[in-house]
Each structure stands twice: as structure tokens, then as C-alpha cells.
Amino acid sequence: MSTSPFPKLLDYHTIKNEYDCHESSDENAAIDHQTLSTEDALEETASPQSHTPPTGLTGTRLRSYAFAVLTRREYSKKELIEKLSIYAQNKDEVLALVDEFAAANYQSDERVAEMTLRSQVQRGKGPQRIKQVLKSKALDQAHIHDQMQEIDWLTQAYQLKVKKYGPAVATDPKLKAKQARFLLYRGFQMDIVMKVIAGKKEED
């Protein structure tokens, strides 16, 4: 029978205490990563740490720390490499470990890309902003190409405009420009923005 690449009975709190990773009080509660919502995991940000975890990790200690990191949230390959490299003794060991995790599907760029898309759309972001976020995580846009094509960006932009400025079609040039800047900043393309400003709700 094959042996799991992770230590048996790995306990999150034990690992967290060992590496002195102090999180906020609500994060000190037991975390069931199987029920943690993917959106919350992506939006989770690390709280300031009062102490620096030990460096020079290698072997089982590095593997255990990497597993603990992934129980808290999903990381792209780039993000995970950067995170582990801070504490690891050997960069090559980090690269090999992350490749191993990816092969076993413990880490998945495709999964991170899909969750990023879902999270950004819920936050009212357009395709251009979403592409920027994907690029910052070194994620291939091909992972979510089909999903991006299926989204009605005109409807998304129109609903955002109505939420911010109401349903009335602006006639004042300054207000039109203000609405356009708002939607462009959110990441919607100019053709979509112009249709929304003109009051168009959906494609013909």
C-alpha cells in the first residue's frame, strides 16, 4: 500500500504552534478546510505577525508547514513557491515539493483560477480587472477561458451602474463621464461601458 506524502494524523494546531504562526483570534479556532468556503479562503488575508516563523525548514518540517499553509486557503503555484521560499532552506526543494503537490492535486492553478473568477465577479469586477488579478498570481487565462465567455458582461456592468447611480440614463456630460470612469476602473471594456451609459441592459 502506498504511503501518504503527508505525516499521519497531521494536526493543524500543532503545526501552527511549532512554527509560531500567530493568526487573529478567530483564526485560532479549529479550521475544517473541507467546509471552508472557497470564496472566504481566497479573500482571507494574513494578519500581522508578532513573531517571525523559523527559517531553514527542510524535509518533513517543510512538507508539514506547506500542508498547513494549504489547509488555510488555496495558493497558485507562484504564490505557494514564494510563501515557502521565505522559510525554506533550499529553493530547489521548494520547487520539487510544489510540483509534487500539483501532481497530486493538493495544489491546483486551475482551481485557484476558477475561484478567483467567481470571487471577482461577485465583487463587481470586469474582465480586464480579473485578467490583472490572474496575471499577478501567474495563472493561465486558458484555465477559465470558457467560463469568461459564458458571462454576460453587459448585464454585470449594467447592474453595477444601477446599484451605484440608479436606473436613469444620464444626460449631463459630466455625470456620463463619471459613470464611464467608474465602470472602466472596475475593469469593463469601453464598448460595454458605452452601451451601459446609453441605458442598454442586454445584448440584442
N, C-alpha and C. Protein backbone atom coordinates (compact mmCIF):
# COMPACT_ATOMS: atom_id res chain seq x y z
N MET A 1 0.85 -1.20 0.00
CA MET A 1 0.00 0.00 0.00
C MET A 1 0.88 1.24 0.00
N SER A 2 0.53 2.21 -0.84
CA SER A 2 1.35 3.41 -0.96
C SER A 2 1.26 4.24 0.30
N THR A 3 2.32 4.97 0.59
CA THR A 3 2.37 5.81 1.78
C THR A 3 2.00 7.23 1.42
N SER A 4 1.16 7.84 2.25
CA SER A 4 0.75 9.23 2.02
C SER A 4 1.96 10.14 2.11
N PRO A 5 2.06 11.15 1.24
CA PRO A 5 3.19 12.09 1.28
C PRO A 5 3.15 13.00 2.48
N PHE A 6 2.05 12.98 3.24
CA PHE A 6 1.91 13.83 4.41
C PHE A 6 1.95 12.98 5.67
N PRO A 7 2.48 13.49 6.78
CA PRO A 7 2.52 12.74 8.03
C PRO A 7 1.11 12.37 8.47
N LYS A 8 0.96 11.17 9.05
CA LYS A 8 -0.34 10.74 9.53
C LYS A 8 -0.76 11.60 10.72
N LEU A 9 -2.10 11.75 10.85
CA LEU A 9 -2.66 12.48 11.99
C LEU A 9 -2.05 13.88 12.11
N LEU A 10 -1.85 14.51 10.97
CA LEU A 10 -1.30 15.86 10.97
C LEU A 10 -2.30 16.79 11.64
N ASP A 11 -1.88 17.49 12.66
CA ASP A 11 -2.75 18.37 13.42
C ASP A 11 -2.40 19.82 13.14
N TYR A 12 -3.42 20.59 12.70
CA TYR A 12 -3.19 21.97 12.29
C TYR A 12 -2.63 22.81 13.43
N HIS A 13 -3.22 22.67 14.63
CA HIS A 13 -2.78 23.50 15.76
C HIS A 13 -1.35 23.17 16.17
N THR A 14 -0.98 21.90 16.12
CA THR A 14 0.38 21.52 16.47
C THR A 14 1.37 22.16 15.53
N ILE A 15 1.06 22.11 14.24
CA ILE A 15 1.94 22.71 13.23
C ILE A 15 2.03 24.21 13.44
N LYS A 16 0.87 24.84 13.70
CA LYS A 16 0.86 26.29 13.85
C LYS A 16 1.66 26.72 15.08
N ASN A 17 1.56 25.95 16.16
CA ASN A 17 2.34 26.27 17.36
C ASN A 17 3.83 26.05 17.12
N GLU A 18 4.16 24.99 16.39
CA GLU A 18 5.57 24.67 16.13
C GLU A 18 6.25 25.78 15.36
N TYR A 19 5.56 26.35 14.40
CA TYR A 19 6.16 27.41 13.57
C TYR A 19 5.81 28.79 14.07
N ASP A 20 5.12 28.85 15.23
CA ASP A 20 4.84 30.14 15.88
C ASP A 20 4.14 31.10 14.96
N CYS A 21 3.17 30.57 14.16
CA CYS A 21 2.42 31.40 13.24
C CYS A 21 1.20 31.94 13.97
N HIS A 22 1.30 33.17 14.44
CA HIS A 22 0.22 33.77 15.21
C HIS A 22 -0.77 34.44 14.26
N GLU A 23 -2.00 33.93 14.26
CA GLU A 23 -3.05 34.50 13.43
C GLU A 23 -4.00 35.28 14.33
N SER A 24 -5.03 35.87 13.78
CA SER A 24 -6.02 36.59 14.56
C SER A 24 -6.83 35.60 15.38
N SER A 25 -7.54 36.10 16.41
CA SER A 25 -8.19 35.23 17.37
C SER A 25 -9.22 34.30 16.73
N ASP A 26 -9.96 34.80 15.74
CA ASP A 26 -10.95 33.94 15.11
C ASP A 26 -10.29 32.86 14.28
N GLU A 27 -9.07 33.07 13.80
CA GLU A 27 -8.37 32.06 13.03
C GLU A 27 -7.74 31.02 13.95
N ASN A 28 -7.66 31.31 15.25
CA ASN A 28 -7.12 30.34 16.18
C ASN A 28 -8.13 29.22 16.47
N ALA A 29 -9.38 29.43 16.07
CA ALA A 29 -10.37 28.38 16.24
C ALA A 29 -10.06 27.25 15.27
N ALA A 30 -10.60 26.06 15.53
CA ALA A 30 -10.33 24.91 14.66
C ALA A 30 -10.87 25.20 13.28
N ILE A 31 -10.07 24.86 12.27
CA ILE A 31 -10.44 25.13 10.88
C ILE A 31 -10.69 23.82 10.16
N ASP A 32 -11.89 23.64 9.68
CA ASP A 32 -12.21 22.47 8.88
C ASP A 32 -12.13 22.89 7.43
N HIS A 33 -11.01 22.55 6.76
CA HIS A 33 -10.79 23.06 5.41
C HIS A 33 -11.72 22.42 4.40
N GLN A 34 -12.43 21.36 4.78
CA GLN A 34 -13.37 20.76 3.85
C GLN A 34 -14.66 21.56 3.77
N THR A 35 -14.97 22.31 4.82
CA THR A 35 -16.20 23.10 4.82
C THR A 35 -15.94 24.58 4.64
N LEU A 36 -14.69 25.00 4.66
CA LEU A 36 -14.36 26.40 4.45
C LEU A 36 -14.76 26.80 3.04
N SER A 37 -15.54 27.86 2.89
CA SER A 37 -15.96 28.28 1.56
C SER A 37 -14.77 28.76 0.77
N THR A 38 -14.75 28.42 -0.50
CA THR A 38 -13.61 28.79 -1.35
C THR A 38 -13.50 30.30 -1.50
N GLU A 39 -14.65 31.01 -1.51
CA GLU A 39 -14.59 32.46 -1.63
C GLU A 39 -13.94 33.09 -0.40
N ASP A 40 -14.34 32.62 0.79
CA ASP A 40 -13.74 33.14 2.02
C ASP A 40 -12.27 32.83 2.07
N ALA A 41 -11.90 31.64 1.57
CA ALA A 41 -10.49 31.27 1.60
C ALA A 41 -9.67 32.19 0.72
N LEU A 42 -10.22 32.54 -0.45
CA LEU A 42 -9.48 33.41 -1.36
C LEU A 42 -9.38 34.83 -0.81
N GLU A 43 -10.42 35.29 -0.11
CA GLU A 43 -10.41 36.65 0.38
C GLU A 43 -9.66 36.80 1.70
N GLU A 44 -9.31 35.63 2.33
CA GLU A 44 -8.60 35.68 3.62
C GLU A 44 -7.25 36.35 3.47
N THR A 45 -6.93 37.28 4.32
CA THR A 45 -5.62 37.92 4.29
C THR A 45 -4.91 37.67 5.60
N ALA A 46 -3.60 37.50 5.52
CA ALA A 46 -2.83 37.18 6.71
C ALA A 46 -2.80 38.38 7.64
N SER A 47 -3.01 38.12 8.95
CA SER A 47 -2.93 39.19 9.93
C SER A 47 -1.48 39.44 10.29
N PRO A 48 -1.17 40.64 10.82
CA PRO A 48 0.21 40.95 11.18
C PRO A 48 0.73 39.93 12.18
N GLN A 49 1.97 39.48 12.01
CA GLN A 49 2.57 38.51 12.90
C GLN A 49 3.54 39.20 13.84
N SER A 50 3.42 38.85 15.14
CA SER A 50 4.28 39.47 16.13
C SER A 50 5.64 38.81 16.17
N HIS A 51 5.73 37.57 15.65
CA HIS A 51 6.99 36.86 15.64
C HIS A 51 7.21 36.25 14.26
N THR A 52 8.45 36.11 13.87
CA THR A 52 8.76 35.53 12.58
C THR A 52 8.95 34.02 12.73
N PRO A 53 8.24 33.21 11.90
CA PRO A 53 8.41 31.77 11.96
C PRO A 53 9.87 31.40 11.67
N PRO A 54 10.33 30.25 12.14
CA PRO A 54 11.72 29.86 11.92
C PRO A 54 12.02 29.65 10.44
N THR A 55 13.22 29.94 10.04
CA THR A 55 13.64 29.71 8.67
C THR A 55 14.50 28.45 8.61
N GLY A 56 14.91 28.09 7.40
CA GLY A 56 15.77 26.92 7.25
C GLY A 56 15.02 25.61 7.29
N LEU A 57 13.69 25.63 7.01
CA LEU A 57 12.90 24.41 7.04
C LEU A 57 13.30 23.50 5.88
N THR A 58 13.28 22.21 6.14
CA THR A 58 13.60 21.23 5.11
C THR A 58 12.93 19.91 5.45
N GLY A 59 12.88 19.00 4.51
CA GLY A 59 12.33 17.67 4.75
C GLY A 59 10.91 17.68 5.27
N THR A 60 10.67 16.88 6.31
CA THR A 60 9.33 16.71 6.88
C THR A 60 8.77 18.01 7.43
N ARG A 61 9.64 18.82 8.03
CA ARG A 61 9.19 20.09 8.60
C ARG A 61 8.67 21.03 7.51
N LEU A 62 9.36 21.10 6.39
CA LEU A 62 8.91 21.94 5.28
C LEU A 62 7.61 21.40 4.70
N ARG A 63 7.53 20.09 4.54
CA ARG A 63 6.33 19.46 3.99
C ARG A 63 5.12 19.71 4.91
N SER A 64 5.31 19.58 6.20
CA SER A 64 4.22 19.79 7.15
C SER A 64 3.76 21.24 7.13
N TYR A 65 4.73 22.16 7.05
CA TYR A 65 4.38 23.58 7.01
C TYR A 65 3.61 23.89 5.73
N ALA A 66 4.04 23.31 4.60
CA ALA A 66 3.36 23.54 3.33
C ALA A 66 1.92 23.03 3.38
N PHE A 67 1.73 21.87 3.98
CA PHE A 67 0.39 21.32 4.11
C PHE A 67 -0.48 22.22 4.98
N ALA A 68 0.08 22.71 6.08
CA ALA A 68 -0.67 23.61 6.97
C ALA A 68 -1.08 24.88 6.23
N VAL A 69 -0.18 25.40 5.40
CA VAL A 69 -0.48 26.60 4.61
C VAL A 69 -1.68 26.35 3.70
N LEU A 70 -1.70 25.19 3.05
CA LEU A 70 -2.77 24.88 2.10
C LEU A 70 -4.09 24.55 2.77
N THR A 71 -4.08 24.22 4.06
CA THR A 71 -5.36 23.99 4.74
C THR A 71 -6.09 25.29 5.01
N ARG A 72 -5.37 26.40 5.00
CA ARG A 72 -5.99 27.68 5.29
C ARG A 72 -6.60 28.33 4.05
N ARG A 73 -5.99 28.15 2.91
CA ARG A 73 -6.51 28.74 1.68
C ARG A 73 -5.80 28.11 0.49
N GLU A 74 -6.35 28.39 -0.70
CA GLU A 74 -5.73 27.90 -1.94
C GLU A 74 -4.66 28.89 -2.39
N TYR A 75 -3.57 28.37 -2.93
CA TYR A 75 -2.50 29.20 -3.46
C TYR A 75 -2.19 28.78 -4.89
N SER A 76 -1.88 29.76 -5.73
CA SER A 76 -1.36 29.41 -7.05
C SER A 76 0.06 28.89 -6.86
N LYS A 77 0.61 28.27 -7.89
CA LYS A 77 1.97 27.75 -7.80
C LYS A 77 2.95 28.86 -7.43
N LYS A 78 2.82 29.99 -8.10
CA LYS A 78 3.71 31.11 -7.83
C LYS A 78 3.62 31.56 -6.38
N GLU A 79 2.40 31.71 -5.88
CA GLU A 79 2.19 32.17 -4.51
C GLU A 79 2.75 31.17 -3.50
N LEU A 80 2.52 29.88 -3.76
CA LEU A 80 2.99 28.86 -2.82
C LEU A 80 4.51 28.80 -2.79
N ILE A 81 5.14 28.91 -3.95
CA ILE A 81 6.60 28.92 -4.01
C ILE A 81 7.15 30.11 -3.23
N GLU A 82 6.55 31.28 -3.44
CA GLU A 82 7.01 32.48 -2.73
C GLU A 82 6.82 32.33 -1.22
N LYS A 83 5.69 31.77 -0.81
CA LYS A 83 5.38 31.60 0.61
C LYS A 83 6.38 30.65 1.27
N LEU A 84 6.62 29.51 0.65
CA LEU A 84 7.51 28.51 1.24
C LEU A 84 8.97 28.94 1.20
N SER A 85 9.33 29.68 0.15
CA SER A 85 10.73 30.08 -0.01
C SER A 85 11.21 31.00 1.12
N ILE A 86 10.26 31.68 1.76
CA ILE A 86 10.62 32.58 2.87
C ILE A 86 11.23 31.78 4.02
N TYR A 87 10.73 30.57 4.23
CA TYR A 87 11.13 29.79 5.39
C TYR A 87 11.99 28.56 5.06
N ALA A 88 12.09 28.23 3.77
CA ALA A 88 12.79 27.01 3.39
C ALA A 88 14.31 27.20 3.35
N GLN A 89 14.99 26.13 3.51
CA GLN A 89 16.45 26.17 3.44
C GLN A 89 16.94 26.12 2.01
N ASN A 90 16.19 25.41 1.15
CA ASN A 90 16.65 25.17 -0.21
C ASN A 90 15.53 25.46 -1.20
N LYS A 91 15.77 26.40 -2.13
CA LYS A 91 14.76 26.77 -3.13
C LYS A 91 14.41 25.60 -4.04
N ASP A 92 15.40 24.79 -4.40
CA ASP A 92 15.14 23.64 -5.26
C ASP A 92 14.19 22.65 -4.59
N GLU A 93 14.32 22.49 -3.28
CA GLU A 93 13.42 21.59 -2.55
C GLU A 93 11.99 22.12 -2.59
N VAL A 94 11.86 23.44 -2.50
CA VAL A 94 10.53 24.07 -2.58
C VAL A 94 9.91 23.80 -3.94
N LEU A 95 10.67 24.00 -5.00
CA LEU A 95 10.16 23.79 -6.35
C LEU A 95 9.71 22.35 -6.56
N ALA A 96 10.51 21.41 -6.07
CA ALA A 96 10.18 20.00 -6.21
C ALA A 96 8.93 19.65 -5.41
N LEU A 97 8.81 20.22 -4.21
CA LEU A 97 7.67 19.94 -3.36
C LEU A 97 6.38 20.50 -3.96
N VAL A 98 6.44 21.71 -4.48
CA VAL A 98 5.25 22.32 -5.09
C VAL A 98 4.83 21.54 -6.33
N ASP A 99 5.80 21.07 -7.12
CA ASP A 99 5.48 20.23 -8.28
C ASP A 99 4.80 18.93 -7.83
N GLU A 100 5.28 18.37 -6.75
CA GLU A 100 4.68 17.15 -6.21
C GLU A 100 3.25 17.40 -5.75
N PHE A 101 3.03 18.51 -5.07
CA PHE A 101 1.68 18.86 -4.62
C PHE A 101 0.74 19.06 -5.80
N ALA A 102 1.24 19.71 -6.84
CA ALA A 102 0.42 19.96 -8.02
C ALA A 102 0.05 18.65 -8.71
N ALA A 103 1.01 17.74 -8.81
CA ALA A 103 0.77 16.46 -9.45
C ALA A 103 -0.27 15.64 -8.69
N ALA A 104 -0.29 15.80 -7.36
CA ALA A 104 -1.25 15.08 -6.52
C ALA A 104 -2.56 15.85 -6.36
N ASN A 105 -2.66 17.03 -6.99
CA ASN A 105 -3.84 17.88 -6.94
C ASN A 105 -4.09 18.49 -5.57
N TYR A 106 -3.08 18.52 -4.71
CA TYR A 106 -3.20 19.26 -3.46
C TYR A 106 -3.12 20.75 -3.74
N GLN A 107 -2.42 21.08 -4.80
CA GLN A 107 -2.34 22.47 -5.30
C GLN A 107 -2.79 22.45 -6.74
N SER A 108 -3.63 23.41 -7.11
CA SER A 108 -4.16 23.43 -8.48
C SER A 108 -4.33 24.86 -8.97
N ASP A 109 -3.58 25.23 -10.00
CA ASP A 109 -3.74 26.55 -10.60
C ASP A 109 -5.12 26.70 -11.22
N GLU A 110 -5.62 25.62 -11.79
CA GLU A 110 -6.95 25.69 -12.41
C GLU A 110 -8.02 25.97 -11.35
N ARG A 111 -7.91 25.31 -10.23
CA ARG A 111 -8.87 25.53 -9.15
C ARG A 111 -8.79 26.96 -8.62
N VAL A 112 -7.58 27.47 -8.47
CA VAL A 112 -7.40 28.84 -7.98
C VAL A 112 -7.97 29.83 -8.99
N ALA A 113 -7.75 29.58 -10.28
CA ALA A 113 -8.26 30.48 -11.32
C ALA A 113 -9.78 30.53 -11.30
N GLU A 114 -10.41 29.38 -11.15
CA GLU A 114 -11.87 29.33 -11.12
C GLU A 114 -12.43 30.06 -9.91
N MET A 115 -11.79 29.87 -8.76
CA MET A 115 -12.25 30.55 -7.55
C MET A 115 -12.00 32.05 -7.63
N THR A 116 -10.89 32.43 -8.26
CA THR A 116 -10.59 33.85 -8.44
C THR A 116 -11.63 34.52 -9.31
N LEU A 117 -12.00 33.86 -10.40
CA LEU A 117 -13.03 34.39 -11.29
C LEU A 117 -14.35 34.57 -10.54
N ARG A 118 -14.76 33.54 -9.84
CA ARG A 118 -16.03 33.60 -9.11
C ARG A 118 -16.02 34.72 -8.08
N SER A 119 -14.93 34.84 -7.34
CA SER A 119 -14.82 35.86 -6.30
C SER A 119 -14.84 37.26 -6.89
N GLN A 120 -14.09 37.47 -7.98
CA GLN A 120 -14.02 38.79 -8.59
C GLN A 120 -15.34 39.22 -9.20
N VAL A 121 -16.06 38.29 -9.82
CA VAL A 121 -17.36 38.61 -10.39
C VAL A 121 -18.33 39.01 -9.28
N GLN A 122 -18.29 38.30 -8.17
CA GLN A 122 -19.17 38.63 -7.04
C GLN A 122 -18.86 40.01 -6.48
N ARG A 123 -17.62 40.44 -6.64
CA ARG A 123 -17.22 41.76 -6.15
C ARG A 123 -17.43 42.86 -7.19
N GLY A 124 -18.05 42.51 -8.31
CA GLY A 124 -18.38 43.51 -9.32
C GLY A 124 -17.22 43.90 -10.21
N LYS A 125 -16.28 43.01 -10.43
CA LYS A 125 -15.13 43.32 -11.27
C LYS A 125 -15.36 42.82 -12.71
N GLY A 126 -14.87 43.61 -13.66
CA GLY A 126 -15.00 43.26 -15.06
C GLY A 126 -13.83 42.42 -15.55
N PRO A 127 -13.89 42.01 -16.81
CA PRO A 127 -12.87 41.09 -17.35
C PRO A 127 -11.45 41.62 -17.32
N GLN A 128 -11.26 42.92 -17.53
CA GLN A 128 -9.90 43.46 -17.54
C GLN A 128 -9.26 43.39 -16.15
N ARG A 129 -10.02 43.71 -15.13
CA ARG A 129 -9.50 43.63 -13.76
C ARG A 129 -9.24 42.18 -13.37
N ILE A 130 -10.11 41.28 -13.80
CA ILE A 130 -9.93 39.86 -13.49
C ILE A 130 -8.66 39.33 -14.13
N LYS A 131 -8.39 39.75 -15.36
CA LYS A 131 -7.16 39.33 -16.03
C LYS A 131 -5.93 39.84 -15.30
N GLN A 132 -6.01 41.04 -14.75
CA GLN A 132 -4.89 41.59 -13.98
C GLN A 132 -4.62 40.76 -12.73
N VAL A 133 -5.69 40.34 -12.06
CA VAL A 133 -5.54 39.53 -10.85
C VAL A 133 -4.93 38.18 -11.21
N LEU A 134 -5.40 37.59 -12.28
CA LEU A 134 -4.85 36.30 -12.73
C LEU A 134 -3.36 36.43 -13.03
N LYS A 135 -3.01 37.52 -13.69
CA LYS A 135 -1.60 37.74 -14.04
C LYS A 135 -0.74 37.89 -12.79
N SER A 136 -1.26 38.57 -11.78
CA SER A 136 -0.50 38.76 -10.54
C SER A 136 -0.25 37.43 -9.84
N LYS A 137 -1.12 36.46 -10.05
CA LYS A 137 -0.97 35.15 -9.45
C LYS A 137 -0.26 34.17 -10.40
N ALA A 138 0.17 34.67 -11.57
CA ALA A 138 0.82 33.83 -12.59
C ALA A 138 -0.09 32.68 -13.02
N LEU A 139 -1.37 32.98 -13.20
CA LEU A 139 -2.34 31.98 -13.60
C LEU A 139 -2.66 32.13 -15.08
N ASP A 140 -2.73 31.01 -15.78
CA ASP A 140 -3.03 30.99 -17.21
C ASP A 140 -4.51 31.29 -17.42
N GLN A 141 -4.81 32.28 -18.25
CA GLN A 141 -6.20 32.64 -18.52
C GLN A 141 -6.96 31.51 -19.20
N ALA A 142 -6.22 30.58 -19.82
CA ALA A 142 -6.86 29.46 -20.51
C ALA A 142 -7.67 28.59 -19.54
N HIS A 143 -7.28 28.62 -18.25
CA HIS A 143 -7.99 27.82 -17.25
C HIS A 143 -9.46 28.21 -17.15
N ILE A 144 -9.76 29.48 -17.40
CA ILE A 144 -11.14 29.96 -17.23
C ILE A 144 -11.69 30.60 -18.50
N HIS A 145 -11.08 30.30 -19.63
CA HIS A 145 -11.50 30.91 -20.90
C HIS A 145 -12.98 30.68 -21.18
N ASP A 146 -13.42 29.43 -21.03
CA ASP A 146 -14.82 29.10 -21.34
C ASP A 146 -15.77 29.81 -20.38
N GLN A 147 -15.41 29.83 -19.10
CA GLN A 147 -16.26 30.49 -18.11
C GLN A 147 -16.36 31.98 -18.37
N MET A 148 -15.25 32.60 -18.79
CA MET A 148 -15.26 34.04 -19.10
C MET A 148 -16.18 34.33 -20.27
N GLN A 149 -16.19 33.44 -21.26
CA GLN A 149 -17.02 33.63 -22.44
C GLN A 149 -18.51 33.50 -22.13
N GLU A 150 -18.83 32.74 -21.10
CA GLU A 150 -20.23 32.49 -20.77
C GLU A 150 -20.86 33.62 -19.95
N ILE A 151 -20.04 34.48 -19.37
CA ILE A 151 -20.57 35.55 -18.52
C ILE A 151 -21.13 36.70 -19.36
N ASP A 152 -22.29 37.17 -19.00
CA ASP A 152 -22.92 38.32 -19.67
C ASP A 152 -22.35 39.59 -19.03
N TRP A 153 -21.26 40.10 -19.60
CA TRP A 153 -20.58 41.25 -19.01
C TRP A 153 -21.40 42.53 -19.10
N LEU A 154 -22.24 42.63 -20.13
CA LEU A 154 -23.09 43.81 -20.25
C LEU A 154 -24.08 43.87 -19.09
N THR A 155 -24.70 42.74 -18.80
CA THR A 155 -25.64 42.70 -17.67
C THR A 155 -24.93 42.97 -16.35
N GLN A 156 -23.73 42.42 -16.20
CA GLN A 156 -22.94 42.65 -14.99
C GLN A 156 -22.65 44.14 -14.81
N ALA A 157 -22.23 44.78 -15.89
CA ALA A 157 -21.89 46.20 -15.83
C ALA A 157 -23.13 47.05 -15.59
N TYR A 158 -24.23 46.69 -16.23
CA TYR A 158 -25.46 47.47 -16.06
C TYR A 158 -25.95 47.40 -14.62
N GLN A 159 -25.94 46.22 -14.04
CA GLN A 159 -26.39 46.06 -12.66
C GLN A 159 -25.50 46.85 -11.69
N LEU A 160 -24.21 46.88 -11.99
CA LEU A 160 -23.29 47.63 -11.15
C LEU A 160 -23.56 49.13 -11.26
N LYS A 161 -23.83 49.59 -12.48
CA LYS A 161 -24.12 51.01 -12.69
C LYS A 161 -25.40 51.40 -11.98
N VAL A 162 -26.43 50.56 -12.05
CA VAL A 162 -27.71 50.85 -11.40
C VAL A 162 -27.55 50.89 -9.88
N LYS A 163 -26.76 49.98 -9.36
CA LYS A 163 -26.52 49.94 -7.92
C LYS A 163 -25.84 51.21 -7.43
N LYS A 164 -24.95 51.75 -8.27
CA LYS A 164 -24.17 52.93 -7.88
C LYS A 164 -24.90 54.23 -8.19
N TYR A 165 -25.53 54.31 -9.39
CA TYR A 165 -26.09 55.58 -9.84
C TYR A 165 -27.59 55.56 -10.12
N GLY A 166 -28.21 54.40 -10.00
CA GLY A 166 -29.64 54.32 -10.28
C GLY A 166 -29.91 53.98 -11.75
N PRO A 167 -31.17 53.69 -12.09
CA PRO A 167 -31.51 53.25 -13.45
C PRO A 167 -31.63 54.36 -14.49
N ALA A 168 -31.74 55.59 -14.07
CA ALA A 168 -31.93 56.70 -15.02
C ALA A 168 -30.72 56.86 -15.93
N VAL A 169 -31.01 57.15 -17.20
CA VAL A 169 -29.94 57.39 -18.17
C VAL A 169 -29.46 58.83 -18.01
N ALA A 170 -28.19 58.99 -17.75
CA ALA A 170 -27.62 60.33 -17.53
C ALA A 170 -27.60 61.12 -18.83
N THR A 171 -27.91 62.41 -18.71
CA THR A 171 -27.84 63.31 -19.86
C THR A 171 -26.72 64.34 -19.70
N ASP A 172 -26.34 64.58 -18.47
CA ASP A 172 -25.26 65.53 -18.20
C ASP A 172 -23.91 64.91 -18.57
N PRO A 173 -23.14 65.57 -19.42
CA PRO A 173 -21.85 65.02 -19.87
C PRO A 173 -20.90 64.67 -18.72
N LYS A 174 -20.91 65.50 -17.67
CA LYS A 174 -20.01 65.25 -16.54
C LYS A 174 -20.41 63.97 -15.80
N LEU A 175 -21.71 63.75 -15.65
CA LEU A 175 -22.19 62.55 -14.98
C LEU A 175 -21.92 61.32 -15.84
N LYS A 176 -22.09 61.46 -17.14
CA LYS A 176 -21.78 60.36 -18.05
C LYS A 176 -20.32 59.96 -17.93
N ALA A 177 -19.45 60.97 -17.91
CA ALA A 177 -18.01 60.71 -17.81
C ALA A 177 -17.67 60.05 -16.48
N LYS A 178 -18.35 60.49 -15.43
CA LYS A 178 -18.11 59.93 -14.10
C LYS A 178 -18.51 58.45 -14.07
N GLN A 179 -19.65 58.13 -14.65
CA GLN A 179 -20.12 56.75 -14.69
C GLN A 179 -19.19 55.89 -15.54
N ALA A 180 -18.72 56.46 -16.64
CA ALA A 180 -17.81 55.72 -17.53
C ALA A 180 -16.50 55.41 -16.81
N ARG A 181 -15.96 56.40 -16.12
CA ARG A 181 -14.70 56.17 -15.38
C ARG A 181 -14.87 55.10 -14.32
N PHE A 182 -16.03 55.11 -13.66
CA PHE A 182 -16.31 54.12 -12.63
C PHE A 182 -16.29 52.70 -13.20
N LEU A 183 -16.97 52.51 -14.33
CA LEU A 183 -17.05 51.18 -14.93
C LEU A 183 -15.72 50.74 -15.54
N LEU A 184 -15.00 51.69 -16.12
CA LEU A 184 -13.68 51.37 -16.68
C LEU A 184 -12.72 50.96 -15.57
N TYR A 185 -12.79 51.67 -14.46
CA TYR A 185 -11.93 51.33 -13.33
C TYR A 185 -12.25 49.94 -12.80
N ARG A 186 -13.50 49.56 -12.86
CA ARG A 186 -13.92 48.24 -12.42
C ARG A 186 -13.47 47.13 -13.37
N GLY A 187 -13.02 47.53 -14.55
CA GLY A 187 -12.47 46.54 -15.47
C GLY A 187 -13.34 46.15 -16.64
N PHE A 188 -14.35 46.95 -16.92
CA PHE A 188 -15.21 46.65 -18.07
C PHE A 188 -14.67 47.36 -19.31
N GLN A 189 -14.83 46.72 -20.45
CA GLN A 189 -14.30 47.26 -21.70
C GLN A 189 -15.15 48.43 -22.19
N MET A 190 -14.53 49.29 -23.00
CA MET A 190 -15.17 50.54 -23.42
C MET A 190 -16.49 50.32 -24.15
N ASP A 191 -16.56 49.32 -25.01
CA ASP A 191 -17.81 49.10 -25.75
C ASP A 191 -18.96 48.74 -24.81
N ILE A 192 -18.65 47.96 -23.78
CA ILE A 192 -19.66 47.61 -22.78
C ILE A 192 -20.06 48.86 -21.99
N VAL A 193 -19.09 49.66 -21.62
CA VAL A 193 -19.34 50.87 -20.83
C VAL A 193 -20.25 51.83 -21.58
N MET A 194 -19.98 52.04 -22.86
CA MET A 194 -20.78 52.97 -23.65
C MET A 194 -22.22 52.50 -23.78
N LYS A 195 -22.41 51.20 -23.91
CA LYS A 195 -23.78 50.66 -24.00
C LYS A 195 -24.53 50.88 -22.70
N VAL A 196 -23.85 50.64 -21.57
CA VAL A 196 -24.48 50.82 -20.26
C VAL A 196 -24.85 52.27 -20.03
N ILE A 197 -23.94 53.18 -20.35
CA ILE A 197 -24.20 54.62 -20.16
C ILE A 197 -25.40 55.07 -20.99
N ALA A 198 -25.58 54.41 -22.15
CA ALA A 198 -26.71 54.75 -23.03
C ALA A 198 -28.01 54.07 -22.56
N GLY A 199 -27.93 53.25 -21.52
CA GLY A 199 -29.13 52.64 -20.97
C GLY A 199 -29.43 51.24 -21.47
N LYS A 200 -28.50 50.66 -22.22
CA LYS A 200 -28.74 49.32 -22.75
C LYS A 200 -28.50 48.29 -21.63
N LYS A 201 -29.45 47.35 -21.48
CA LYS A 201 -29.39 46.38 -20.38
C LYS A 201 -28.84 45.03 -20.83
N GLU A 202 -29.05 44.67 -22.07
CA GLU A 202 -28.64 43.36 -22.54
C GLU A 202 -28.35 43.38 -24.03
N GLU A 203 -27.60 42.36 -24.46
CA GLU A 203 -27.25 42.26 -25.87
C GLU A 203 -28.49 41.91 -26.69
N ASP A 204 -28.50 42.33 -27.94
CA ASP A 204 -29.61 42.04 -28.84
C ASP A 204 -29.65 40.55 -29.16
